Amino acid sequence: MSRLKRHTKRIVIGIAGGLVVLLGLVLVPYPGPGWLIVFAGLAILATEFDGASKVLDFAKDKYDRWSAWLKRQHPVVQLLVLALTGLVVVTTVWLVNGFGIANSLLQLNQPWLISPLFR
């Protein structure tokens, strides 16, 4: 493969993998495959970048340790983690005006549902 093609391939993989990782990180607190998307992005990056492979192994290890730690905790701690995650979700949906859109569509006329970023 020519040097230009190889360099272009590395750039494309770097951008694509980076965007997938960023998307996954945004989705982590939401129900769904946030961490799976992060790991997929790191796997894409690892096809061209040796450092990404090490980061992928590190991230998977930390995720597994966190999951194991959380499973060992008292149900109150598990519920607090769940509540904190829910608070992050509700706050971000409010900040991106998700509740404001619903407020408008349902004609609720509740100004507090509108994000301060969209006033």
PDB file of N, CA and C in Angstrom:
ATOM      1  N   MET A   1       0.853  -1.172   0.000  1.00  0.00           N
ATOM      2  CA  MET A   1       0.000   0.000   0.000  1.00  0.00           C
ATOM      3  C   MET A   1       0.900   1.236   0.000  1.00  0.00           C
ATOM      4  N   SER A   2       0.515   2.231  -0.788  1.00  0.00           N
ATOM      5  CA  SER A   2       1.332   3.432  -0.862  1.00  0.00           C
ATOM      6  C   SER A   2       1.284   4.184   0.460  1.00  0.00           C
ATOM      7  N   ARG A   3       2.274   5.011   0.642  1.00  0.00           N
ATOM      8  CA  ARG A   3       2.379   5.760   1.890  1.00  0.00           C
ATOM      9  C   ARG A   3       1.180   6.693   2.068  1.00  0.00           C
ATOM     10  N   LEU A   4       0.738   7.323   0.988  1.00  0.00           N
ATOM     11  CA  LEU A   4      -0.404   8.225   1.057  1.00  0.00           C
ATOM     12  C   LEU A   4      -1.679   7.471   1.444  1.00  0.00           C
ATOM     13  N   LYS A   5      -1.900   6.301   0.859  1.00  0.00           N
ATOM     14  CA  LYS A   5      -3.088   5.508   1.192  1.00  0.00           C
ATOM     15  C   LYS A   5      -3.050   5.069   2.652  1.00  0.00           C
ATOM     16  N   ARG A   6      -1.890   4.635   3.104  1.00  0.00           N
ATOM     17  CA  ARG A   6      -1.756   4.189   4.499  1.00  0.00           C
ATOM     18  C   ARG A   6      -2.016   5.337   5.462  1.00  0.00           C
ATOM     19  N   HIS A   7      -1.455   6.496   5.135  1.00  0.00           N
ATOM     20  CA  HIS A   7      -1.642   7.668   5.989  1.00  0.00           C
ATOM     21  C   HIS A   7      -3.125   8.086   5.998  1.00  0.00           C
ATOM     22  N   THR A   8      -3.744   8.086   4.827  1.00  0.00           N
ATOM     23  CA  THR A   8      -5.172   8.432   4.728  1.00  0.00           C
ATOM     24  C   THR A   8      -6.018   7.436   5.514  1.00  0.00           C
ATOM     25  N   LYS A   9      -5.681   6.153   5.423  1.00  0.00           N
ATOM     26  CA  LYS A   9      -6.414   5.115   6.155  1.00  0.00           C
ATOM     27  C   LYS A   9      -6.304   5.352   7.661  1.00  0.00           C
ATOM     28  N   ARG A  10      -5.123   5.690   8.132  1.00  0.00           N
ATOM     29  CA  ARG A  10      -4.923   5.954   9.563  1.00  0.00           C
ATOM     30  C   ARG A  10      -5.762   7.150  10.022  1.00  0.00           C
ATOM     31  N   ILE A  11      -5.807   8.184   9.187  1.00  0.00           N
ATOM     32  CA  ILE A  11      -6.585   9.376   9.533  1.00  0.00           C
ATOM     33  C   ILE A  11      -8.068   9.040   9.595  1.00  0.00           C
ATOM     34  N   VAL A  12      -8.561   8.321   8.588  1.00  0.00           N
ATOM     35  CA  VAL A  12      -9.983   7.952   8.547  1.00  0.00           C
ATOM     36  C   VAL A  12     -10.340   7.073   9.752  1.00  0.00           C
ATOM     37  N   ILE A  13      -9.503   6.095  10.050  1.00  0.00           N
ATOM     38  CA  ILE A  13      -9.762   5.217  11.198  1.00  0.00           C
ATOM     39  C   ILE A  13      -9.685   6.011  12.498  1.00  0.00           C
ATOM     40  N   GLY A  14      -8.745   6.934  12.589  1.00  0.00           N
ATOM     41  CA  GLY A  14      -8.631   7.761  13.789  1.00  0.00           C
ATOM     42  C   GLY A  14      -9.865   8.612  14.017  1.00  0.00           C
ATOM     43  N   ILE A  15     -10.349   9.231  12.951  1.00  0.00           N
ATOM     44  CA  ILE A  15     -11.547  10.069  13.071  1.00  0.00           C
ATOM     45  C   ILE A  15     -12.771   9.210  13.381  1.00  0.00           C
ATOM     46  N   ALA A  16     -12.958   8.120  12.629  1.00  0.00           N
ATOM     47  CA  ALA A  16     -14.133   7.256  12.841  1.00  0.00           C
ATOM     48  C   ALA A  16     -14.121   6.658  14.249  1.00  0.00           C
ATOM     49  N   GLY A  17     -12.998   6.102  14.656  1.00  0.00           N
ATOM     50  CA  GLY A  17     -12.906   5.512  15.988  1.00  0.00           C
ATOM     51  C   GLY A  17     -13.102   6.542  17.080  1.00  0.00           C
ATOM     52  N   GLY A  18     -12.518   7.730  16.888  1.00  0.00           N
ATOM     53  CA  GLY A  18     -12.678   8.796  17.872  1.00  0.00           C
ATOM     54  C   GLY A  18     -14.125   9.241  18.010  1.00  0.00           C
ATOM     55  N   LEU A  19     -14.827   9.353  16.879  1.00  0.00           N
ATOM     56  CA  LEU A  19     -16.235   9.743  16.928  1.00  0.00           C
ATOM     57  C   LEU A  19     -17.089   8.677  17.608  1.00  0.00           C
ATOM     58  N   VAL A  20     -16.782   7.411  17.349  1.00  0.00           N
ATOM     59  CA  VAL A  20     -17.532   6.324  17.995  1.00  0.00           C
ATOM     60  C   VAL A  20     -17.293   6.342  19.506  1.00  0.00           C
ATOM     61  N   VAL A  21     -16.043   6.557  19.912  1.00  0.00           N
ATOM     62  CA  VAL A  21     -15.735   6.643  21.345  1.00  0.00           C
ATOM     63  C   VAL A  21     -16.483   7.812  21.975  1.00  0.00           C
ATOM     64  N   LEU A  22     -16.464   8.975  21.331  1.00  0.00           N
ATOM     65  CA  LEU A  22     -17.162  10.143  21.877  1.00  0.00           C
ATOM     66  C   LEU A  22     -18.667   9.898  21.991  1.00  0.00           C
ATOM     67  N   LEU A  23     -19.249   9.298  20.964  1.00  0.00           N
ATOM     68  CA  LEU A  23     -20.674   8.967  21.020  1.00  0.00           C
ATOM     69  C   LEU A  23     -20.963   8.033  22.193  1.00  0.00           C
ATOM     70  N   GLY A  24     -20.126   7.021  22.356  1.00  0.00           N
ATOM     71  CA  GLY A  24     -20.302   6.087  23.467  1.00  0.00           C
ATOM     72  C   GLY A  24     -20.212   6.770  24.817  1.00  0.00           C
ATOM     73  N   LEU A  25     -19.254   7.689  24.959  1.00  0.00           N
ATOM     74  CA  LEU A  25     -19.101   8.392  26.233  1.00  0.00           C
ATOM     75  C   LEU A  25     -20.320   9.258  26.544  1.00  0.00           C
ATOM     76  N   VAL A  26     -20.889   9.865  25.511  1.00  0.00           N
ATOM     77  CA  VAL A  26     -22.102  10.655  25.718  1.00  0.00           C
ATOM     78  C   VAL A  26     -23.250   9.748  26.164  1.00  0.00           C
ATOM     79  N   LEU A  27     -23.302   8.531  25.622  1.00  0.00           N
ATOM     80  CA  LEU A  27     -24.404   7.618  25.910  1.00  0.00           C
ATOM     81  C   LEU A  27     -24.222   6.786  27.178  1.00  0.00           C
ATOM     82  N   VAL A  28     -23.062   6.842  27.799  1.00  0.00           N
ATOM     83  CA  VAL A  28     -22.790   5.996  28.973  1.00  0.00           C
ATOM     84  C   VAL A  28     -23.857   6.113  30.061  1.00  0.00           C
ATOM     85  N   PRO A  29     -24.284   7.308  30.463  1.00  0.00           N
ATOM     86  CA  PRO A  29     -25.249   7.337  31.569  1.00  0.00           C
ATOM     87  C   PRO A  29     -26.665   6.924  31.178  1.00  0.00           C
ATOM     88  N   TYR A  30     -26.930   6.794  29.908  1.00  0.00           N
ATOM     89  CA  TYR A  30     -28.283   6.471  29.458  1.00  0.00           C
ATOM     90  C   TYR A  30     -28.475   4.963  29.353  1.00  0.00           C
ATOM     91  N   PRO A  31     -29.713   4.517  29.481  1.00  0.00           N
ATOM     92  CA  PRO A  31     -29.965   3.088  29.297  1.00  0.00           C
ATOM     93  C   PRO A  31     -29.579   2.685  27.878  1.00  0.00           C
ATOM     94  N   GLY A  32     -28.860   1.616  27.776  1.00  0.00           N
ATOM     95  CA  GLY A  32     -28.438   1.157  26.451  1.00  0.00           C
ATOM     96  C   GLY A  32     -26.954   0.832  26.419  1.00  0.00           C
ATOM     97  N   PRO A  33     -26.442   0.718  25.244  1.00  0.00           N
ATOM     98  CA  PRO A  33     -25.093   0.173  25.069  1.00  0.00           C
ATOM     99  C   PRO A  33     -23.964   1.206  25.067  1.00  0.00           C
ATOM    100  N   GLY A  34     -24.000   2.195  25.960  1.00  0.00           N
ATOM    101  CA  GLY A  34     -22.970   3.231  25.969  1.00  0.00           C
ATOM    102  C   GLY A  34     -21.557   2.682  26.055  1.00  0.00           C
ATOM    103  N   TRP A  35     -21.314   1.806  27.044  1.00  0.00           N
ATOM    104  CA  TRP A  35     -19.957   1.258  27.201  1.00  0.00           C
ATOM    105  C   TRP A  35     -19.594   0.350  26.035  1.00  0.00           C
ATOM    106  N   LEU A  36     -20.548  -0.378  25.510  1.00  0.00           N
ATOM    107  CA  LEU A  36     -20.276  -1.218  24.349  1.00  0.00           C
ATOM    108  C   LEU A  36     -19.814  -0.371  23.166  1.00  0.00           C
ATOM    109  N   ILE A  37     -20.430   0.794  22.981  1.00  0.00           N
ATOM    110  CA  ILE A  37     -20.033   1.694  21.902  1.00  0.00           C
ATOM    111  C   ILE A  37     -18.639   2.251  22.148  1.00  0.00           C
ATOM    112  N   VAL A  38     -18.331   2.592  23.394  1.00  0.00           N
ATOM    113  CA  VAL A  38     -16.974   3.062  23.724  1.00  0.00           C
ATOM    114  C   VAL A  38     -15.951   1.981  23.379  1.00  0.00           C
ATOM    115  N   PHE A  39     -16.227   0.758  23.807  1.00  0.00           N
ATOM    116  CA  PHE A  39     -15.285  -0.339  23.535  1.00  0.00           C
ATOM    117  C   PHE A  39     -15.166  -0.606  22.041  1.00  0.00           C
ATOM    118  N   ALA A  40     -16.261  -0.470  21.301  1.00  0.00           N
ATOM    119  CA  ALA A  40     -16.216  -0.658  19.849  1.00  0.00           C
ATOM    120  C   ALA A  40     -15.345   0.420  19.206  1.00  0.00           C
ATOM    121  N   GLY A  41     -15.485   1.646  19.656  1.00  0.00           N
ATOM    122  CA  GLY A  41     -14.646   2.730  19.126  1.00  0.00           C
ATOM    123  C   GLY A  41     -13.179   2.502  19.420  1.00  0.00           C
ATOM    124  N   LEU A  42     -12.882   2.047  20.626  1.00  0.00           N
ATOM    125  CA  LEU A  42     -11.490   1.745  20.965  1.00  0.00           C
ATOM    126  C   LEU A  42     -10.958   0.583  20.136  1.00  0.00           C
ATOM    127  N   ALA A  43     -11.812  -0.398  19.860  1.00  0.00           N
ATOM    128  CA  ALA A  43     -11.401  -1.522  19.017  1.00  0.00           C
ATOM    129  C   ALA A  43     -11.114  -1.047  17.592  1.00  0.00           C
ATOM    130  N   ILE A  44     -11.915  -0.116  17.096  1.00  0.00           N
ATOM    131  CA  ILE A  44     -11.649   0.457  15.770  1.00  0.00           C
ATOM    132  C   ILE A  44     -10.295   1.153  15.778  1.00  0.00           C
ATOM    133  N   LEU A  45     -10.056   1.958  16.796  1.00  0.00           N
ATOM    134  CA  LEU A  45      -8.774   2.665  16.893  1.00  0.00           C
ATOM    135  C   LEU A  45      -7.599   1.688  17.038  1.00  0.00           C
ATOM    136  N   ALA A  46      -7.835   0.592  17.739  1.00  0.00           N
ATOM    137  CA  ALA A  46      -6.764  -0.387  17.977  1.00  0.00           C
ATOM    138  C   ALA A  46      -6.309  -1.082  16.700  1.00  0.00           C
ATOM    139  N   THR A  47      -7.117  -1.033  15.637  1.00  0.00           N
ATOM    140  CA  THR A  47      -6.697  -1.649  14.377  1.00  0.00           C
ATOM    141  C   THR A  47      -5.514  -0.910  13.761  1.00  0.00           C
ATOM    142  N   GLU A  48      -5.333   0.358  14.123  1.00  0.00           N
ATOM    143  CA  GLU A  48      -4.242   1.152  13.560  1.00  0.00           C
ATOM    144  C   GLU A  48      -3.295   1.745  14.589  1.00  0.00           C
ATOM    145  N   PHE A  49      -3.735   1.837  15.834  1.00  0.00           N
ATOM    146  CA  PHE A  49      -2.942   2.515  16.856  1.00  0.00           C
ATOM    147  C   PHE A  49      -2.705   1.587  18.036  1.00  0.00           C
ATOM    148  N   ASP A  50      -1.436   1.304  18.319  1.00  0.00           N
ATOM    149  CA  ASP A  50      -1.081   0.379  19.399  1.00  0.00           C
ATOM    150  C   ASP A  50      -1.562   0.878  20.759  1.00  0.00           C
ATOM    151  N   GLY A  51      -1.480   2.167  20.988  1.00  0.00           N
ATOM    152  CA  GLY A  51      -1.896   2.732  22.270  1.00  0.00           C
ATOM    153  C   GLY A  51      -3.368   2.490  22.559  1.00  0.00           C
ATOM    154  N   ALA A  52      -4.192   2.486  21.519  1.00  0.00           N
ATOM    155  CA  ALA A  52      -5.637   2.274  21.708  1.00  0.00           C
ATOM    156  C   ALA A  52      -5.916   0.869  22.237  1.00  0.00           C
ATOM    157  N   SER A  53      -5.113  -0.075  21.830  1.00  0.00           N
ATOM    158  CA  SER A  53      -5.274  -1.441  22.322  1.00  0.00           C
ATOM    159  C   SER A  53      -5.035  -1.503  23.832  1.00  0.00           C
ATOM    160  N   LYS A  54      -4.024  -0.781  24.286  1.00  0.00           N
ATOM    161  CA  LYS A  54      -3.735  -0.735  25.728  1.00  0.00           C
ATOM    162  C   LYS A  54      -4.852  -0.018  26.477  1.00  0.00           C
ATOM    163  N   VAL A  55      -5.363   1.066  25.896  1.00  0.00           N
ATOM    164  CA  VAL A  55      -6.469   1.791  26.533  1.00  0.00           C
ATOM    165  C   VAL A  55      -7.711   0.908  26.587  1.00  0.00           C
ATOM    166  N   LEU A  56      -7.973   0.150  25.518  1.00  0.00           N
ATOM    167  CA  LEU A  56      -9.123  -0.755  25.484  1.00  0.00           C
ATOM    168  C   LEU A  56      -9.010  -1.798  26.591  1.00  0.00           C
ATOM    169  N   ASP A  57      -7.858  -2.420  26.724  1.00  0.00           N
ATOM    170  CA  ASP A  57      -7.659  -3.417  27.792  1.00  0.00           C
ATOM    171  C   ASP A  57      -7.832  -2.783  29.174  1.00  0.00           C
ATOM    172  N   PHE A  58      -7.267  -1.593  29.363  1.00  0.00           N
ATOM    173  CA  PHE A  58      -7.374  -0.875  30.631  1.00  0.00           C
ATOM    174  C   PHE A  58      -8.843  -0.554  30.943  1.00  0.00           C
ATOM    175  N   ALA A  59      -9.565  -0.024  29.937  1.00  0.00           N
ATOM    176  CA  ALA A  59     -10.962   0.372  30.137  1.00  0.00           C
ATOM    177  C   ALA A  59     -11.840  -0.839  30.444  1.00  0.00           C
ATOM    178  N   LYS A  60     -11.624  -1.937  29.721  1.00  0.00           N
ATOM    179  CA  LYS A  60     -12.422  -3.142  29.990  1.00  0.00           C
ATOM    180  C   LYS A  60     -12.152  -3.661  31.395  1.00  0.00           C
ATOM    181  N   ASP A  61     -10.895  -3.626  31.817  1.00  0.00           N
ATOM    182  CA  ASP A  61     -10.553  -4.081  33.163  1.00  0.00           C
ATOM    183  C   ASP A  61     -11.228  -3.208  34.218  1.00  0.00           C
ATOM    184  N   LYS A  62     -11.177  -1.901  34.043  1.00  0.00           N
ATOM    185  CA  LYS A  62     -11.810  -0.989  35.008  1.00  0.00           C
ATOM    186  C   LYS A  62     -13.327  -1.178  35.031  1.00  0.00           C
ATOM    187  N   TYR A  63     -13.911  -1.367  33.854  1.00  0.00           N
ATOM    188  CA  TYR A  63     -15.364  -1.597  33.778  1.00  0.00           C
ATOM    189  C   TYR A  63     -15.734  -2.882  34.511  1.00  0.00           C
ATOM    190  N   ASP A  64     -14.985  -3.951  34.265  1.00  0.00           N
ATOM    191  CA  ASP A  64     -15.256  -5.224  34.935  1.00  0.00           C
ATOM    192  C   ASP A  64     -15.102  -5.097  36.449  1.00  0.00           C
ATOM    193  N   ARG A  65     -14.072  -4.378  36.885  1.00  0.00           N
ATOM    194  CA  ARG A  65     -13.856  -4.180  38.327  1.00  0.00           C
ATOM    195  C   ARG A  65     -14.989  -3.366  38.947  1.00  0.00           C
ATOM    196  N   TRP A  66     -15.419  -2.311  38.246  1.00  0.00           N
ATOM    197  CA  TRP A  66     -16.525  -1.485  38.733  1.00  0.00           C
ATOM    198  C   TRP A  66     -17.797  -2.321  38.859  1.00  0.00           C
ATOM    199  N   SER A  67     -18.092  -3.104  37.836  1.00  0.00           N
ATOM    200  CA  SER A  67     -19.296  -3.948  37.860  1.00  0.00           C
ATOM    201  C   SER A  67     -19.242  -4.941  39.011  1.00  0.00           C
ATOM    202  N   ALA A  68     -18.087  -5.565  39.187  1.00  0.00           N
ATOM    203  CA  ALA A  68     -17.933  -6.535  40.278  1.00  0.00           C
ATOM    204  C   ALA A  68     -18.069  -5.841  41.633  1.00  0.00           C
ATOM    205  N   TRP A  69     -17.468  -4.666  41.776  1.00  0.00           N
ATOM    206  CA  TRP A  69     -17.550  -3.923  43.030  1.00  0.00           C
ATOM    207  C   TRP A  69     -18.999  -3.561  43.333  1.00  0.00           C
ATOM    208  N   LEU A  70     -19.708  -3.065  42.312  1.00  0.00           N
ATOM    209  CA  LEU A  70     -21.082  -2.643  42.522  1.00  0.00           C
ATOM    210  C   LEU A  70     -21.980  -3.821  42.904  1.00  0.00           C
ATOM    211  N   LYS A  71     -21.736  -4.985  42.325  1.00  0.00           N
ATOM    212  CA  LYS A  71     -22.528  -6.173  42.658  1.00  0.00           C
ATOM    213  C   LYS A  71     -22.323  -6.606  44.103  1.00  0.00           C
ATOM    214  N   ARG A  72     -21.146  -6.326  44.657  1.00  0.00           N
ATOM    215  CA  ARG A  72     -20.848  -6.718  46.041  1.00  0.00           C
ATOM    216  C   ARG A  72     -21.419  -5.741  47.073  1.00  0.00           C
ATOM    217  N   GLN A  73     -21.886  -4.595  46.616  1.00  0.00           N
ATOM    218  CA  GLN A  73     -22.335  -3.555  47.536  1.00  0.00           C
ATOM    219  C   GLN A  73     -23.737  -3.822  48.060  1.00  0.00           C
ATOM    220  N   HIS A  74     -24.005  -3.190  49.175  1.00  0.00           N
ATOM    221  CA  HIS A  74     -25.333  -3.245  49.791  1.00  0.00           C
ATOM    222  C   HIS A  74     -26.349  -2.659  48.804  1.00  0.00           C
ATOM    223  N   PRO A  75     -27.572  -3.166  48.812  1.00  0.00           N
ATOM    224  CA  PRO A  75     -28.591  -2.641  47.887  1.00  0.00           C
ATOM    225  C   PRO A  75     -28.807  -1.126  47.977  1.00  0.00           C
ATOM    226  N   VAL A  76     -28.574  -0.547  49.154  1.00  0.00           N
ATOM    227  CA  VAL A  76     -28.723   0.906  49.293  1.00  0.00           C
ATOM    228  C   VAL A  76     -27.688   1.620  48.423  1.00  0.00           C
ATOM    229  N   VAL A  77     -26.463   1.129  48.422  1.00  0.00           N
ATOM    230  CA  VAL A  77     -25.417   1.725  47.590  1.00  0.00           C
ATOM    231  C   VAL A  77     -25.768   1.551  46.111  1.00  0.00           C
ATOM    232  N   GLN A  78     -26.255   0.389  45.756  1.00  0.00           N
ATOM    233  CA  GLN A  78     -26.656   0.154  44.367  1.00  0.00           C
ATOM    234  C   GLN A  78     -27.771   1.111  43.953  1.00  0.00           C
ATOM    235  N   LEU A  79     -28.734   1.327  44.849  1.00  0.00           N
ATOM    236  CA  LEU A  79     -29.818   2.261  44.554  1.00  0.00           C
ATOM    237  C   LEU A  79     -29.321   3.700  44.457  1.00  0.00           C
ATOM    238  N   LEU A  80     -28.352   4.057  45.290  1.00  0.00           N
ATOM    239  CA  LEU A  80     -27.777   5.409  45.200  1.00  0.00           C
ATOM    240  C   LEU A  80     -27.064   5.620  43.871  1.00  0.00           C
ATOM    241  N   VAL A  81     -26.341   4.617  43.409  1.00  0.00           N
ATOM    242  CA  VAL A  81     -25.677   4.711  42.102  1.00  0.00           C
ATOM    243  C   VAL A  81     -26.726   4.830  41.004  1.00  0.00           C
ATOM    244  N   LEU A  82     -27.776   4.051  41.094  1.00  0.00           N
ATOM    245  CA  LEU A  82     -28.862   4.127  40.122  1.00  0.00           C
ATOM    246  C   LEU A  82     -29.522   5.508  40.148  1.00  0.00           C
ATOM    247  N   ALA A  83     -29.754   6.035  41.349  1.00  0.00           N
ATOM    248  CA  ALA A  83     -30.375   7.356  41.481  1.00  0.00           C
ATOM    249  C   ALA A  83     -29.473   8.445  40.898  1.00  0.00           C
ATOM    250  N   LEU A  84     -28.187   8.351  41.153  1.00  0.00           N
ATOM    251  CA  LEU A  84     -27.241   9.333  40.604  1.00  0.00           C
ATOM    252  C   LEU A  84     -27.226   9.265  39.080  1.00  0.00           C
ATOM    253  N   THR A  85     -27.251   8.048  38.546  1.00  0.00           N
ATOM    254  CA  THR A  85     -27.300   7.880  37.094  1.00  0.00           C
ATOM    255  C   THR A  85     -28.586   8.490  36.536  1.00  0.00           C
ATOM    256  N   GLY A  86     -29.699   8.242  37.206  1.00  0.00           N
ATOM    257  CA  GLY A  86     -30.969   8.820  36.785  1.00  0.00           C
ATOM    258  C   GLY A  86     -30.947  10.347  36.834  1.00  0.00           C
ATOM    259  N   LEU A  87     -30.306  10.896  37.860  1.00  0.00           N
ATOM    260  CA  LEU A  87     -30.188  12.350  37.981  1.00  0.00           C
ATOM    261  C   LEU A  87     -29.380  12.928  36.816  1.00  0.00           C
ATOM    262  N   VAL A  88     -28.315  12.249  36.439  1.00  0.00           N
ATOM    263  CA  VAL A  88     -27.511  12.694  35.294  1.00  0.00           C
ATOM    264  C   VAL A  88     -28.356  12.669  34.020  1.00  0.00           C
ATOM    265  N   VAL A  89     -29.116  11.613  33.832  1.00  0.00           N
ATOM    266  CA  VAL A  89     -29.966  11.490  32.638  1.00  0.00           C
ATOM    267  C   VAL A  89     -31.010  12.612  32.609  1.00  0.00           C
ATOM    268  N   VAL A  90     -31.722  12.793  33.710  1.00  0.00           N
ATOM    269  CA  VAL A  90     -32.776  13.812  33.760  1.00  0.00           C
ATOM    270  C   VAL A  90     -32.180  15.208  33.542  1.00  0.00           C
ATOM    271  N   THR A  91     -31.046  15.476  34.156  1.00  0.00           N
ATOM    272  CA  THR A  91     -30.406  16.786  34.009  1.00  0.00           C
ATOM    273  C   THR A  91     -29.976  17.039  32.567  1.00  0.00           C
ATOM    274  N   THR A  92     -29.368  16.058  31.934  1.00  0.00           N
ATOM    275  CA  THR A  92     -28.924  16.280  30.560  1.00  0.00           C
ATOM    276  C   THR A  92     -30.101  16.387  29.593  1.00  0.00           C
ATOM    277  N   VAL A  93     -31.155  15.606  29.804  1.00  0.00           N
ATOM    278  CA  VAL A  93     -32.340  15.734  28.950  1.00  0.00           C
ATOM    279  C   VAL A  93     -32.947  17.126  29.125  1.00  0.00           C
ATOM    280  N   TRP A  94     -32.976  17.631  30.345  1.00  0.00           N
ATOM    281  CA  TRP A  94     -33.488  18.974  30.598  1.00  0.00           C
ATOM    282  C   TRP A  94     -32.607  20.019  29.930  1.00  0.00           C
ATOM    283  N   LEU A  95     -31.280  19.874  30.056  1.00  0.00           N
ATOM    284  CA  LEU A  95     -30.369  20.864  29.484  1.00  0.00           C
ATOM    285  C   LEU A  95     -30.421  20.908  27.958  1.00  0.00           C
ATOM    286  N   VAL A  96     -30.660  19.771  27.312  1.00  0.00           N
ATOM    287  CA  VAL A  96     -30.769  19.775  25.847  1.00  0.00           C
ATOM    288  C   VAL A  96     -32.204  20.040  25.403  1.00  0.00           C
ATOM    289  N   ASN A  97     -33.046  20.437  26.345  1.00  0.00           N
ATOM    290  CA  ASN A  97     -34.419  20.878  26.119  1.00  0.00           C
ATOM    291  C   ASN A  97     -35.386  19.763  25.732  1.00  0.00           C
ATOM    292  N   GLY A  98     -35.097  18.533  26.107  1.00  0.00           N
ATOM    293  CA  GLY A  98     -36.028  17.441  25.835  1.00  0.00           C
ATOM    294  C   GLY A  98     -37.370  17.648  26.513  1.00  0.00           C
ATOM    295  N   PHE A  99     -37.341  18.121  27.745  1.00  0.00           N
ATOM    296  CA  PHE A  99     -38.593  18.382  28.462  1.00  0.00           C
ATOM    297  C   PHE A  99     -39.296  19.615  27.905  1.00  0.00           C
ATOM    298  N   GLY A 100     -38.521  20.581  27.434  1.00  0.00           N
ATOM    299  CA  GLY A 100     -39.102  21.778  26.825  1.00  0.00           C
ATOM    300  C   GLY A 100     -39.868  21.441  25.561  1.00  0.00           C
ATOM    301  N   ILE A 101     -39.329  20.512  24.775  1.00  0.00           N
ATOM    302  CA  ILE A 101     -40.019  20.080  23.554  1.00  0.00           C
ATOM    303  C   ILE A 101     -41.324  19.376  23.918  1.00  0.00           C
ATOM    304  N   ALA A 102     -41.265  18.479  24.904  1.00  0.00           N
ATOM    305  CA  ALA A 102     -42.482  17.795  25.352  1.00  0.00           C
ATOM    306  C   ALA A 102     -43.479  18.804  25.909  1.00  0.00           C
ATOM    307  N   ASN A 103     -42.992  19.801  26.638  1.00  0.00           N
ATOM    308  CA  ASN A 103     -43.834  20.860  27.195  1.00  0.00           C
ATOM    309  C   ASN A 103     -44.584  21.580  26.080  1.00  0.00           C
ATOM    310  N   SER A 104     -43.865  21.869  25.012  1.00  0.00           N
ATOM    311  CA  SER A 104     -44.472  22.567  23.874  1.00  0.00           C
ATOM    312  C   SER A 104     -45.472  21.675  23.135  1.00  0.00           C
ATOM    313  N   LEU A 105     -45.067  20.442  22.861  1.00  0.00           N
ATOM    314  CA  LEU A 105     -45.931  19.525  22.118  1.00  0.00           C
ATOM    315  C   LEU A 105     -47.219  19.208  22.872  1.00  0.00           C
ATOM    316  N   LEU A 106     -47.096  19.037  24.176  1.00  0.00           N
ATOM    317  CA  LEU A 106     -48.260  18.689  24.989  1.00  0.00           C
ATOM    318  C   LEU A 106     -49.000  19.914  25.522  1.00  0.00           C
ATOM    319  N   GLN A 107     -48.489  21.102  25.182  1.00  0.00           N
ATOM    320  CA  GLN A 107     -49.076  22.374  25.604  1.00  0.00           C
ATOM    321  C   GLN A 107     -49.295  22.426  27.119  1.00  0.00           C
ATOM    322  N   LEU A 108     -48.237  22.079  27.853  1.00  0.00           N
ATOM    323  CA  LEU A 108     -48.326  22.060  29.316  1.00  0.00           C
ATOM    324  C   LEU A 108     -48.171  23.450  29.931  1.00  0.00           C
ATOM    325  N   ASN A 109     -47.526  24.361  29.203  1.00  0.00           N
ATOM    326  CA  ASN A 109     -47.309  25.737  29.676  1.00  0.00           C
ATOM    327  C   ASN A 109     -46.584  25.776  31.028  1.00  0.00           C
ATOM    328  N   GLN A 110     -45.557  24.960  31.149  1.00  0.00           N
ATOM    329  CA  GLN A 110     -44.743  24.925  32.360  1.00  0.00           C
ATOM    330  C   GLN A 110     -43.349  25.473  32.020  1.00  0.00           C
ATOM    331  N   PRO A 111     -43.078  26.739  32.312  1.00  0.00           N
ATOM    332  CA  PRO A 111     -41.801  27.342  31.904  1.00  0.00           C
ATOM    333  C   PRO A 111     -40.573  26.680  32.537  1.00  0.00           C
ATOM    334  N   TRP A 112     -40.726  26.054  33.687  1.00  0.00           N
ATOM    335  CA  TRP A 112     -39.579  25.428  34.346  1.00  0.00           C
ATOM    336  C   TRP A 112     -39.086  24.203  33.583  1.00  0.00           C
ATOM    337  N   LEU A 113     -39.895  23.662  32.678  1.00  0.00           N
ATOM    338  CA  LEU A 113     -39.463  22.510  31.862  1.00  0.00           C
ATOM    339  C   LEU A 113     -38.529  22.929  30.734  1.00  0.00           C
ATOM    340  N   ILE A 114     -38.503  24.209  30.410  1.00  0.00           N
ATOM    341  CA  ILE A 114     -37.659  24.702  29.321  1.00  0.00           C
ATOM    342  C   ILE A 114     -36.237  24.907  29.849  1.00  0.00           C
ATOM    343  N   SER A 115     -35.280  24.379  29.118  1.00  0.00           N
ATOM    344  CA  SER A 115     -33.877  24.492  29.506  1.00  0.00           C
ATOM    345  C   SER A 115     -33.432  25.944  29.540  1.00  0.00           C
ATOM    346  N   PRO A 116     -32.605  26.320  30.507  1.00  0.00           N
ATOM    347  CA  PRO A 116     -32.092  27.694  30.524  1.00  0.00           C
ATOM    348  C   PRO A 116     -31.197  27.974  29.306  1.00  0.00           C
ATOM    349  N   LEU A 117     -30.714  26.939  28.663  1.00  0.00           N
ATOM    350  CA  LEU A 117     -29.877  27.112  27.484  1.00  0.00           C
ATOM    351  C   LEU A 117     -30.685  27.457  26.238  1.00  0.00           C
ATOM    352  N   PHE A 118     -32.008  27.285  26.301  1.00  0.00           N
ATOM    353  CA  PHE A 118     -32.878  27.509  25.135  1.00  0.00           C
ATOM    354  C   PHE A 118     -33.889  28.635  25.373  1.00  0.00           C
ATOM    355  N   ARG A 119     -33.696  29.425  26.383  1.00  0.00           N
ATOM    356  CA  ARG A 119     -34.618  30.533  26.662  1.00  0.00           C
ATOM    357  C   ARG A 119     -34.226  31.755  25.889  1.00  0.00           C
TER     358      ARG A 119
END
